[in-house]
PDB file of N, CA and C in Angstrom:
ATOM      1  N   MET A   1     -22.751  -2.510  18.446  1.00  0.00           N
ATOM      2  CA  MET A   1     -22.937  -2.539  16.758  1.00  0.00           C
ATOM      3  C   MET A   1     -21.733  -2.551  16.349  1.00  0.00           C
ATOM      4  N   ASN A   2     -20.973  -3.616  15.748  1.00  0.00           N
ATOM      5  CA  ASN A   2     -20.077  -3.599  15.505  1.00  0.00           C
ATOM      6  C   ASN A   2     -19.830  -2.816  13.895  1.00  0.00           C
ATOM      7  N   LYS A   3     -18.655  -1.650  13.896  1.00  0.00           N
ATOM      8  CA  LYS A   3     -18.672  -0.943  12.383  1.00  0.00           C
ATOM      9  C   LYS A   3     -17.453  -1.771  11.147  1.00  0.00           C
ATOM     10  N   SER A   4     -17.889  -1.605  10.232  1.00  0.00           N
ATOM     11  CA  SER A   4     -16.315  -1.915  10.016  1.00  0.00           C
ATOM     12  C   SER A   4     -15.616  -1.154   9.526  1.00  0.00           C
ATOM     13  N   ILE A   5     -14.605  -1.790  10.300  1.00  0.00           N
ATOM     14  CA  ILE A   5     -12.931  -0.617  10.217  1.00  0.00           C
ATOM     15  C   ILE A   5     -12.601  -0.418   8.886  1.00  0.00           C
ATOM     16  N   ARG A   6     -12.360  -1.669   8.023  1.00  0.00           N
ATOM     17  CA  ARG A   6     -11.700  -1.588   7.146  1.00  0.00           C
ATOM     18  C   ARG A   6     -12.328  -0.322   6.314  1.00  0.00           C
ATOM     19  N   LYS A   7     -11.165  -0.096   4.634  1.00  0.00           N
ATOM     20  CA  LYS A   7     -11.427   1.300   3.789  1.00  0.00           C
ATOM     21  C   LYS A   7     -11.728   0.623   2.547  1.00  0.00           C
ATOM     22  N   PRO A   8     -12.024   1.579   1.783  1.00  0.00           N
ATOM     23  CA  PRO A   8     -12.327   1.131   0.753  1.00  0.00           C
ATOM     24  C   PRO A   8     -11.401   0.816  -0.055  1.00  0.00           C
ATOM     25  N   ILE A   9     -10.851   0.268  -0.970  1.00  0.00           N
ATOM     26  CA  ILE A   9      -9.209   0.179  -1.679  1.00  0.00           C
ATOM     27  C   ILE A   9      -9.465   1.186  -2.869  1.00  0.00           C
ATOM     28  N   ARG A  10      -8.408   2.198  -2.956  1.00  0.00           N
ATOM     29  CA  ARG A  10      -8.441   3.240  -3.795  1.00  0.00           C
ATOM     30  C   ARG A  10      -7.427   2.941  -5.034  1.00  0.00           C
ATOM     31  N   GLU A  11      -7.586   2.719  -6.151  1.00  0.00           N
ATOM     32  CA  GLU A  11      -6.883   2.372  -6.764  1.00  0.00           C
ATOM     33  C   GLU A  11      -6.300   3.479  -7.641  1.00  0.00           C
ATOM     34  N   THR A  12      -5.205   3.797  -7.129  1.00  0.00           N
ATOM     35  CA  THR A  12      -4.243   5.699  -7.732  1.00  0.00           C
ATOM     36  C   THR A  12      -3.113   4.832  -8.967  1.00  0.00           C
ATOM     37  N   LYS A  13      -3.267   5.428 -10.359  1.00  0.00           N
ATOM     38  CA  LYS A  13      -2.516   5.342 -11.055  1.00  0.00           C
ATOM     39  C   LYS A  13      -1.340   6.316 -11.138  1.00  0.00           C
ATOM     40  N   LYS A  14       0.022   5.906 -11.235  1.00  0.00           N
ATOM     41  CA  LYS A  14       1.179   5.966 -10.954  1.00  0.00           C
ATOM     42  C   LYS A  14       1.782   6.724 -12.097  1.00  0.00           C
ATOM     43  N   PRO A  15       2.347   7.743 -12.703  1.00  0.00           N
ATOM     44  CA  PRO A  15       2.438   8.199 -13.246  1.00  0.00           C
ATOM     45  C   PRO A  15       4.244   7.231 -14.050  1.00  0.00           C
ATOM     46  N   ILE A  16       4.238   6.607 -15.130  1.00  0.00           N
ATOM     47  CA  ILE A  16       5.181   6.503 -15.413  1.00  0.00           C
ATOM     48  C   ILE A  16       6.744   6.821 -14.930  1.00  0.00           C
ATOM     49  N   GLN A  17       7.686   7.258 -14.381  1.00  0.00           N
ATOM     50  CA  GLN A  17       9.056   7.240 -14.021  1.00  0.00           C
ATOM     51  C   GLN A  17       9.738   6.318 -14.153  1.00  0.00           C
ATOM     52  N   VAL A  18      10.968   6.825 -15.178  1.00  0.00           N
ATOM     53  CA  VAL A  18      11.998   5.664 -15.421  1.00  0.00           C
ATOM     54  C   VAL A  18      13.287   6.645 -15.257  1.00  0.00           C
ATOM     55  N   ASN A  19      14.440   6.549 -14.550  1.00  0.00           N
ATOM     56  CA  ASN A  19      15.400   6.888 -14.233  1.00  0.00           C
ATOM     57  C   ASN A  19      16.772   5.492 -13.713  1.00  0.00           C
ATOM     58  N   ARG A  20      16.929   4.956 -15.147  1.00  0.00           N
ATOM     59  CA  ARG A  20      18.042   3.942 -14.868  1.00  0.00           C
ATOM     60  C   ARG A  20      19.183   4.798 -14.838  1.00  0.00           C
ATOM     61  N   LYS A  21      20.466   4.045 -13.726  1.00  0.00           N
ATOM     62  CA  LYS A  21      21.593   4.014 -13.991  1.00  0.00           C
ATOM     63  C   LYS A  21      22.911   4.695 -15.153  1.00  0.00           C
ATOM     64  N   GLY A  22      22.434   3.800 -16.229  1.00  0.00           N
ATOM     65  CA  GLY A  22      22.903   3.767 -17.342  1.00  0.00           C
ATOM     66  C   GLY A  22      22.594   4.737 -17.929  1.00  0.00           C
ATOM     67  N   GLY A  23      21.530   5.075 -17.875  1.00  0.00           N
ATOM     68  CA  GLY A  23      20.911   6.519 -18.920  1.00  0.00           C
ATOM     69  C   GLY A  23      20.350   6.185 -19.659  1.00  0.00           C
ATOM     70  N   LYS A  24      20.124   6.608 -20.875  1.00  0.00           N
ATOM     71  CA  LYS A  24      19.130   6.839 -22.046  1.00  0.00           C
ATOM     72  C   LYS A  24      18.407   5.382 -22.649  1.00  0.00           C
ATOM     73  N   LYS A  25      20.147   4.630 -23.165  1.00  0.00           N
ATOM     74  CA  LYS A  25      19.850   3.120 -23.502  1.00  0.00           C
ATOM     75  C   LYS A  25      19.584   2.195 -22.633  1.00  0.00           C
ATOM     76  N   ASP A  26      19.863   2.046 -21.408  1.00  0.00           N
ATOM     77  CA  ASP A  26      18.705   1.284 -20.296  1.00  0.00           C
ATOM     78  C   ASP A  26      17.512   1.725 -20.015  1.00  0.00           C
ATOM     79  N   ASN A  27      17.192   3.024 -20.137  1.00  0.00           N
ATOM     80  CA  ASN A  27      15.814   3.553 -19.975  1.00  0.00           C
ATOM     81  C   ASN A  27      14.758   3.031 -20.799  1.00  0.00           C
ATOM     82  N   ILE A  28      15.415   2.648 -21.788  1.00  0.00           N
ATOM     83  CA  ILE A  28      14.809   2.179 -23.447  1.00  0.00           C
ATOM     84  C   ILE A  28      14.418   1.244 -23.465  1.00  0.00           C
ATOM     85  N   VAL A  29      15.604   0.325 -23.006  1.00  0.00           N
ATOM     86  CA  VAL A  29      15.756  -1.226 -22.310  1.00  0.00           C
ATOM     87  C   VAL A  29      14.771  -1.523 -21.836  1.00  0.00           C
ATOM     88  N   TYR A  30      14.462  -0.619 -20.600  1.00  0.00           N
ATOM     89  CA  TYR A  30      13.624  -1.061 -19.587  1.00  0.00           C
ATOM     90  C   TYR A  30      12.287  -1.158 -20.235  1.00  0.00           C
ATOM     91  N   LEU A  31      11.605   0.232 -20.899  1.00  0.00           N
ATOM     92  CA  LEU A  31      11.061   0.458 -21.236  1.00  0.00           C
ATOM     93  C   LEU A  31       9.932  -0.589 -22.153  1.00  0.00           C
ATOM     94  N   LYS A  32      11.043  -0.951 -23.427  1.00  0.00           N
ATOM     95  CA  LYS A  32      10.626  -1.769 -24.031  1.00  0.00           C
ATOM     96  C   LYS A  32      10.501  -3.505 -23.190  1.00  0.00           C
ATOM     97  N   GLN A  33      11.111  -3.796 -22.103  1.00  0.00           N
ATOM     98  CA  GLN A  33      10.345  -4.928 -21.450  1.00  0.00           C
ATOM     99  C   GLN A  33       9.177  -4.376 -20.516  1.00  0.00           C
ATOM    100  N   ARG A  34       9.291  -3.868 -20.105  1.00  0.00           N
ATOM    101  CA  ARG A  34       7.883  -3.791 -19.805  1.00  0.00           C
ATOM    102  C   ARG A  34       6.787  -3.616 -20.542  1.00  0.00           C
ATOM    103  N   TYR A  35       6.724  -2.328 -21.840  1.00  0.00           N
ATOM    104  CA  TYR A  35       5.891  -2.878 -23.012  1.00  0.00           C
ATOM    105  C   TYR A  35       5.468  -4.306 -23.122  1.00  0.00           C
ATOM    106  N   SER A  36       6.764  -4.922 -23.282  1.00  0.00           N
ATOM    107  CA  SER A  36       6.429  -6.591 -23.699  1.00  0.00           C
ATOM    108  C   SER A  36       5.746  -7.248 -23.063  1.00  0.00           C
ATOM    109  N   TYR A  37       5.633  -7.044 -21.800  1.00  0.00           N
ATOM    110  CA  TYR A  37       5.455  -7.664 -20.477  1.00  0.00           C
ATOM    111  C   TYR A  37       4.261  -7.475 -20.258  1.00  0.00           C
ATOM    112  N   HIS A  38       3.450  -5.649 -20.320  1.00  0.00           N
ATOM    113  CA  HIS A  38       1.980  -5.713 -20.500  1.00  0.00           C
ATOM    114  C   HIS A  38       1.039  -6.198 -21.849  1.00  0.00           C
ATOM    115  N   TYR A  39       2.297  -6.222 -23.066  1.00  0.00           N
ATOM    116  CA  TYR A  39       1.756  -6.531 -24.389  1.00  0.00           C
ATOM    117  C   TYR A  39       1.671  -7.880 -24.332  1.00  0.00           C
ATOM    118  N   ARG A  40       2.055  -8.836 -23.785  1.00  0.00           N
ATOM    119  CA  ARG A  40       2.019 -10.647 -23.649  1.00  0.00           C
ATOM    120  C   ARG A  40       0.817 -10.579 -22.441  1.00  0.00           C
ATOM    121  N   LYS A  41       0.637  -9.916 -21.380  1.00  0.00           N
ATOM    122  CA  LYS A  41      -0.651 -10.150 -20.740  1.00  0.00           C
ATOM    123  C   LYS A  41      -2.311  -9.546 -21.197  1.00  0.00           C
ATOM    124  N   GLY A  42      -1.921  -8.698 -21.941  1.00  0.00           N
ATOM    125  CA  GLY A  42      -2.851  -8.227 -22.305  1.00  0.00           C
ATOM    126  C   GLY A  42      -3.674  -7.329 -22.017  1.00  0.00           C
ATOM    127  N   GLN A  43      -2.505  -6.470 -20.936  1.00  0.00           N
ATOM    128  CA  GLN A  43      -2.770  -5.120 -20.739  1.00  0.00           C
ATOM    129  C   GLN A  43      -2.488  -4.051 -21.322  1.00  0.00           C
ATOM    130  N   TRP A  44      -3.837  -3.744 -22.549  1.00  0.00           N
ATOM    131  CA  TRP A  44      -3.581  -2.975 -23.399  1.00  0.00           C
ATOM    132  C   TRP A  44      -3.020  -1.861 -23.322  1.00  0.00           C
ATOM    133  N   ASP A  45      -4.504  -1.050 -22.280  1.00  0.00           N
ATOM    134  CA  ASP A  45      -4.129   0.283 -21.700  1.00  0.00           C
ATOM    135  C   ASP A  45      -2.770   0.291 -21.441  1.00  0.00           C
ATOM    136  N   LYS A  46      -1.886  -0.325 -20.052  1.00  0.00           N
ATOM    137  CA  LYS A  46      -0.794  -0.187 -19.402  1.00  0.00           C
ATOM    138  C   LYS A  46       0.095  -0.342 -20.630  1.00  0.00           C
ATOM    139  N   ALA A  47      -0.116  -1.169 -21.622  1.00  0.00           N
ATOM    140  CA  ALA A  47       0.901  -1.055 -22.481  1.00  0.00           C
ATOM    141  C   ALA A  47       0.932   0.315 -23.552  1.00  0.00           C
ATOM    142  N   GLU A  48      -0.295   0.794 -23.449  1.00  0.00           N
ATOM    143  CA  GLU A  48      -0.311   1.845 -24.606  1.00  0.00           C
ATOM    144  C   GLU A  48       0.522   2.494 -23.631  1.00  0.00           C
ATOM    145  N   GLU A  49       0.498   3.035 -22.087  1.00  0.00           N
ATOM    146  CA  GLU A  49       0.911   4.127 -21.815  1.00  0.00           C
ATOM    147  C   GLU A  49       2.433   4.201 -21.805  1.00  0.00           C
ATOM    148  N   TYR A  50       3.038   3.204 -21.507  1.00  0.00           N
ATOM    149  CA  TYR A  50       4.811   3.070 -21.924  1.00  0.00           C
ATOM    150  C   TYR A  50       4.807   3.286 -23.338  1.00  0.00           C
ATOM    151  N   ASN A  51       3.946   2.985 -24.715  1.00  0.00           N
ATOM    152  CA  ASN A  51       4.076   3.370 -25.938  1.00  0.00           C
ATOM    153  C   ASN A  51       3.962   4.974 -25.940  1.00  0.00           C
ATOM    154  N   GLN A  52       3.014   5.524 -25.458  1.00  0.00           N
ATOM    155  CA  GLN A  52       3.000   7.095 -25.222  1.00  0.00           C
ATOM    156  C   GLN A  52       4.122   7.713 -24.578  1.00  0.00           C
ATOM    157  N   TYR A  53       4.560   7.164 -23.569  1.00  0.00           N
ATOM    158  CA  TYR A  53       6.221   7.710 -22.935  1.00  0.00           C
ATOM    159  C   TYR A  53       6.898   7.654 -23.593  1.00  0.00           C
ATOM    160  N   THR A  54       7.100   6.796 -24.808  1.00  0.00           N
ATOM    161  CA  THR A  54       8.475   6.531 -25.310  1.00  0.00           C
ATOM    162  C   THR A  54       8.764   7.353 -26.149  1.00  0.00           C
ATOM    163  N   LEU A  55       7.483   7.426 -26.965  1.00  0.00           N
ATOM    164  CA  LEU A  55       6.946   8.499 -28.270  1.00  0.00           C
ATOM    165  C   LEU A  55       7.245   9.629 -27.663  1.00  0.00           C
ATOM    166  N   SER A  56       7.112  10.277 -26.299  1.00  0.00           N
ATOM    167  CA  SER A  56       6.872  11.628 -26.390  1.00  0.00           C
ATOM    168  C   SER A  56       8.416  11.797 -25.362  1.00  0.00           C
ATOM    169  N   ASN A  57       9.480  10.557 -24.847  1.00  0.00           N
ATOM    170  CA  ASN A  57      10.432  11.380 -24.755  1.00  0.00           C
ATOM    171  C   ASN A  57      11.371  10.767 -25.579  1.00  0.00           C
ATOM    172  N   TYR A  58      11.307   9.507 -25.828  1.00  0.00           N
ATOM    173  CA  TYR A  58      12.298   9.012 -27.102  1.00  0.00           C
ATOM    174  C   TYR A  58      12.170   9.501 -28.545  1.00  0.00           C
ATOM    175  N   ASN A  59      10.853   9.618 -28.796  1.00  0.00           N
ATOM    176  CA  ASN A  59      10.567   9.505 -30.389  1.00  0.00           C
ATOM    177  C   ASN A  59      10.911   8.029 -30.598  1.00  0.00           C
ATOM    178  N   ILE A  60      10.316   7.124 -29.704  1.00  0.00           N
ATOM    179  CA  ILE A  60      10.313   5.144 -30.388  1.00  0.00           C
ATOM    180  C   ILE A  60       9.316   4.636 -30.473  1.00  0.00           C
ATOM    181  N   ASN A  61       8.682   4.047 -31.532  1.00  0.00           N
ATOM    182  CA  ASN A  61       7.006   3.453 -31.228  1.00  0.00           C
ATOM    183  C   ASN A  61       7.373   2.032 -31.003  1.00  0.00           C
ATOM    184  N   LEU A  62       6.952   1.516 -29.479  1.00  0.00           N
ATOM    185  CA  LEU A  62       6.965   0.476 -29.110  1.00  0.00           C
ATOM    186  C   LEU A  62       6.304  -0.312 -29.995  1.00  0.00           C
ATOM    187  N   ARG A  63       4.938  -0.129 -30.235  1.00  0.00           N
ATOM    188  CA  ARG A  63       4.402  -0.653 -31.270  1.00  0.00           C
ATOM    189  C   ARG A  63       4.273  -1.415 -32.461  1.00  0.00           C
ATOM    190  N   ASP A  64       5.059  -0.563 -33.260  1.00  0.00           N
ATOM    191  CA  ASP A  64       5.598  -0.985 -34.527  1.00  0.00           C
ATOM    192  C   ASP A  64       6.967  -1.777 -34.090  1.00  0.00           C
ATOM    193  N   TRP A  65       7.536  -1.503 -33.039  1.00  0.00           N
ATOM    194  CA  TRP A  65       8.952  -2.572 -32.777  1.00  0.00           C
ATOM    195  C   TRP A  65       8.331  -3.927 -32.444  1.00  0.00           C
ATOM    196  N   MET A  66       7.472  -4.068 -31.480  1.00  0.00           N
ATOM    197  CA  MET A  66       6.786  -5.632 -31.152  1.00  0.00           C
ATOM    198  C   MET A  66       6.379  -5.991 -32.063  1.00  0.00           C
ATOM    199  N   GLU A  67       5.449  -5.294 -33.356  1.00  0.00           N
ATOM    200  CA  GLU A  67       4.733  -6.132 -34.324  1.00  0.00           C
ATOM    201  C   GLU A  67       6.231  -6.439 -35.527  1.00  0.00           C
ATOM    202  N   SER A  68       7.107  -6.062 -35.441  1.00  0.00           N
ATOM    203  CA  SER A  68       8.085  -6.285 -36.527  1.00  0.00           C
ATOM    204  C   SER A  68       9.086  -7.603 -35.976  1.00  0.00           C
ATOM    205  N   LYS A  69       9.026  -7.429 -34.184  1.00  0.00           N
ATOM    206  CA  LYS A  69       9.539  -8.442 -33.610  1.00  0.00           C
ATOM    207  C   LYS A  69       8.459  -9.917 -33.595  1.00  0.00           C
ATOM    208  N   GLU A  70       7.781  -9.202 -33.921  1.00  0.00           N
ATOM    209  CA  GLU A  70       6.543 -10.970 -33.683  1.00  0.00           C
ATOM    210  C   GLU A  70       6.551 -11.378 -35.033  1.00  0.00           C
ATOM    211  N   SER A  71       6.395 -10.320 -36.360  1.00  0.00           N
ATOM    212  CA  SER A  71       6.542 -11.398 -38.010  1.00  0.00           C
ATOM    213  C   SER A  71       7.839 -11.402 -38.176  1.00  0.00           C
ATOM    214  N   ASN A  72       8.987 -11.098 -37.132  1.00  0.00           N
ATOM    215  CA  ASN A  72       9.843 -11.786 -37.307  1.00  0.00           C
ATOM    216  C   ASN A  72      10.084 -13.551 -37.155  1.00  0.00           C
ATOM    217  N   LYS A  73       9.505 -13.657 -36.100  1.00  0.00           N
ATOM    218  CA  LYS A  73       9.349 -15.170 -35.799  1.00  0.00           C
ATOM    219  C   LYS A  73       8.207 -15.719 -36.554  1.00  0.00           C
ATOM    220  N   ILE A  74       7.420 -15.519 -37.385  1.00  0.00           N
ATOM    221  CA  ILE A  74       6.312 -16.039 -38.245  1.00  0.00           C
ATOM    222  C   ILE A  74       7.415 -16.155 -39.630  1.00  0.00           C
ATOM    223  N   LYS A  75       8.319 -15.383 -39.706  1.00  0.00           N
ATOM    224  CA  LYS A  75       8.857 -15.765 -41.157  1.00  0.00           C
ATOM    225  C   LYS A  75      10.325 -17.028 -40.535  1.00  0.00           C
ATOM    226  N   ASN A  76      10.640 -16.993 -39.722  1.00  0.00           N
ATOM    227  CA  ASN A  76      11.288 -17.884 -39.293  1.00  0.00           C
ATOM    228  C   ASN A  76      10.784 -19.496 -39.365  1.00  0.00           C
ATOM    229  N   LYS A  77       9.604 -19.406 -39.441  1.00  0.00           N
ATOM    230  CA  LYS A  77       8.628 -20.844 -39.767  1.00  0.00           C
ATOM    231  C   LYS A  77       8.499 -21.803 -41.173  1.00  0.00           C
ATOM    232  N   ASN A  78       8.313 -23.054 -40.920  1.00  0.00           N
ATOM    233  CA  ASN A  78       8.547 -23.450 -42.177  1.00  0.00           C
ATOM    234  C   ASN A  78       6.848 -23.456 -42.144  1.00  0.00           C
ATOM    235  N   THR A  79       6.257 -24.625 -43.350  1.00  0.00           N
ATOM    236  CA  THR A  79       5.505 -24.530 -43.927  1.00  0.00           C
ATOM    237  C   THR A  79       4.106 -25.577 -42.612  1.00  0.00           C
ATOM    238  N   PHE A  80       4.927 -26.141 -42.350  1.00  0.00           N
ATOM    239  CA  PHE A  80       4.361 -27.061 -40.887  1.00  0.00           C
ATOM    240  C   PHE A  80       4.509 -26.376 -39.896  1.00  0.00           C
ATOM    241  N   GLY A  81       4.706 -25.050 -39.505  1.00  0.00           N
ATOM    242  CA  GLY A  81       4.915 -24.137 -38.196  1.00  0.00           C
ATOM    243  C   GLY A  81       5.890 -24.693 -37.259  1.00  0.00           C
ATOM    244  N   PHE A  82       7.179 -25.580 -37.828  1.00  0.00           N
ATOM    245  CA  PHE A  82       8.082 -25.585 -36.943  1.00  0.00           C
ATOM    246  C   PHE A  82       9.342 -24.533 -37.502  1.00  0.00           C
ATOM    247  N   GLU A  83      10.383 -24.176 -36.679  1.00  0.00           N
ATOM    248  CA  GLU A  83      11.157 -23.376 -36.652  1.00  0.00           C
ATOM    249  C   GLU A  83      11.829 -24.352 -37.857  1.00  0.00           C
ATOM    250  N   LYS A  84      12.723 -23.740 -38.500  1.00  0.00           N
ATOM    251  CA  LYS A  84      13.773 -24.025 -39.607  1.00  0.00           C
ATOM    252  C   LYS A  84      14.869 -24.188 -38.668  1.00  0.00           C
ATOM    253  N   PRO A  85      15.640 -25.137 -39.301  1.00  0.00           N
ATOM    254  CA  PRO A  85      16.972 -25.601 -38.646  1.00  0.00           C
ATOM    255  C   PRO A  85      17.928 -24.411 -38.995  1.00  0.00           C
ATOM    256  N   LYS A  86      18.650 -24.198 -38.218  1.00  0.00           N
ATOM    257  CA  LYS A  86      19.570 -23.233 -38.526  1.00  0.00           C
ATOM    258  C   LYS A  86      20.797 -24.823 -38.604  1.00  0.00           C
ATOM    259  N   ARG A  87      21.832 -23.649 -39.217  1.00  0.00           N
ATOM    260  CA  ARG A  87      23.368 -24.501 -39.722  1.00  0.00           C
ATOM    261  C   ARG A  87      24.219 -24.519 -38.782  1.00  0.00           C
ATOM    262  N   LEU A  88      24.493 -25.627 -38.388  1.00  0.00           N
ATOM    263  CA  LEU A  88      25.786 -25.765 -37.256  1.00  0.00           C
ATOM    264  C   LEU A  88      27.267 -25.325 -38.569  1.00  0.00           C
ATOM    265  N   ARG A  89      27.967 -24.732 -37.586  1.00  0.00           N
ATOM    266  CA  ARG A  89      29.265 -24.160 -38.542  1.00  0.00           C
ATOM    267  C   ARG A  89      29.983 -24.425 -37.130  1.00  0.00           C
ATOM    268  N   TYR A  90      31.372 -25.267 -37.745  1.00  0.00           N
ATOM    269  CA  TYR A  90      32.259 -25.764 -37.230  1.00  0.00           C
ATOM    270  C   TYR A  90      33.528 -24.833 -37.905  1.00  0.00           C
ATOM    271  N   GLY A  91      34.646 -24.827 -36.336  1.00  0.00           N
ATOM    272  CA  GLY A  91      35.392 -24.367 -37.541  1.00  0.00           C
ATOM    273  C   GLY A  91      35.821 -23.018 -36.226  1.00  0.00           C
TER     274      GLY A  91
END
Protein backbone atom coordinates (compact mmCIF):
# COMPACT_ATOMS: atom_id res chain seq x y z
CA MET A 1 0.00 0.00 0.00
CA ASN A 2 1.35 3.38 -1.02
CA LYS A 3 0.60 6.17 1.38
CA SER A 4 0.62 9.73 0.19
CA ILE A 5 3.72 11.59 1.28
CA ARG A 6 2.36 15.00 0.37
CA LYS A 7 1.39 17.11 3.36
CA PRO A 8 -1.58 19.46 3.21
CA ILE A 9 -0.75 23.08 2.49
CA ARG A 10 -1.28 25.30 5.50
CA GLU A 11 -2.00 28.91 4.87
CA THR A 12 -0.47 31.12 7.51
CA LYS A 13 -1.14 34.83 7.67
CA LYS A 14 2.02 36.84 8.04
CA PRO A 15 1.75 40.16 9.85
CA ILE A 16 2.55 43.24 7.82
CA GLN A 17 6.10 44.40 8.46
CA VAL A 18 7.50 47.50 6.82
CA ASN A 19 11.03 48.71 7.36
CA ARG A 20 12.32 50.66 4.37
CA LYS A 21 15.73 52.33 4.28
CA GLY A 22 14.31 55.74 3.37
CA GLY A 23 12.37 56.11 6.60
CA LYS A 24 8.77 57.08 7.25
CA LYS A 25 8.07 58.61 3.83
CA ASP A 26 9.19 55.50 1.93
CA ASN A 27 7.16 53.31 4.27
CA ILE A 28 4.01 55.28 3.50
CA VAL A 29 4.67 55.18 -0.26
CA TYR A 30 5.17 51.41 -0.07
CA LEU A 31 1.96 50.92 1.92
CA LYS A 32 -0.01 53.03 -0.57
CA GLN A 33 1.32 50.92 -3.44
CA ARG A 34 0.41 47.65 -1.73
CA TYR A 35 -3.04 48.97 -0.77
CA SER A 36 -3.81 50.10 -4.32
CA TYR A 37 -2.56 46.77 -5.71
CA HIS A 38 -4.88 44.73 -3.51
CA TYR A 39 -7.74 47.24 -4.00
CA ARG A 40 -7.57 46.91 -7.78
CA LYS A 41 -7.27 43.11 -7.60
CA GLY A 42 -10.43 42.96 -5.48
CA GLN A 43 -8.72 41.52 -2.42
CA TRP A 44 -10.64 43.72 0.02
CA ASP A 45 -9.58 41.92 3.19
CA LYS A 46 -5.87 42.24 2.44
CA ALA A 47 -6.33 45.90 1.45
CA GLU A 48 -8.17 46.52 4.71
CA GLU A 49 -5.23 45.02 6.64
CA TYR A 50 -2.92 47.60 5.05
CA ASN A 51 -5.43 50.33 5.85
CA GLN A 52 -5.62 49.32 9.51
CA TYR A 53 -1.82 49.15 9.73
CA THR A 54 -1.38 52.70 8.38
CA LEU A 55 -4.16 54.00 10.62
CA SER A 56 -2.54 52.56 13.71
CA ASN A 57 1.07 53.53 12.90
CA TYR A 58 0.87 56.68 10.72
CA ASN A 59 -2.71 58.02 11.21
CA ILE A 60 -3.39 57.92 7.45
CA ASN A 61 -6.62 56.48 6.04
CA LEU A 62 -5.76 54.78 2.75
CA ARG A 63 -9.40 54.19 1.85
CA ASP A 64 -10.11 57.94 1.83
CA TRP A 65 -6.90 58.52 -0.15
CA MET A 66 -7.91 55.97 -2.80
CA GLU A 67 -11.49 57.26 -3.08
CA SER A 68 -10.29 60.85 -3.58
CA LYS A 69 -7.80 59.63 -6.18
CA GLU A 70 -10.53 57.79 -8.12
CA SER A 71 -12.96 60.73 -7.91
CA ASN A 72 -10.31 63.06 -9.34
CA LYS A 73 -9.96 60.72 -12.33
CA ILE A 74 -13.73 60.88 -12.93
CA LYS A 75 -13.77 64.69 -12.68
CA ASN A 76 -11.16 64.91 -15.44
CA LYS A 77 -13.54 63.36 -18.02
CA ASN A 78 -15.92 65.26 -20.27
CA THR A 79 -19.56 64.41 -21.01
CA PHE A 80 -18.65 61.64 -23.49
CA GLY A 81 -16.29 59.85 -21.08
CA PHE A 82 -13.04 60.95 -22.73
CA GLU A 83 -10.34 62.80 -20.84
CA LYS A 84 -10.26 66.55 -21.23
CA PRO A 85 -7.44 67.74 -23.47
CA LYS A 86 -4.56 69.44 -21.73
CA ARG A 87 -3.21 72.74 -22.96
CA LEU A 88 0.19 72.68 -24.53
CA ARG A 89 2.34 75.44 -23.18
CA TYR A 90 5.34 76.56 -25.13
CA GLY A 91 8.16 78.63 -23.87
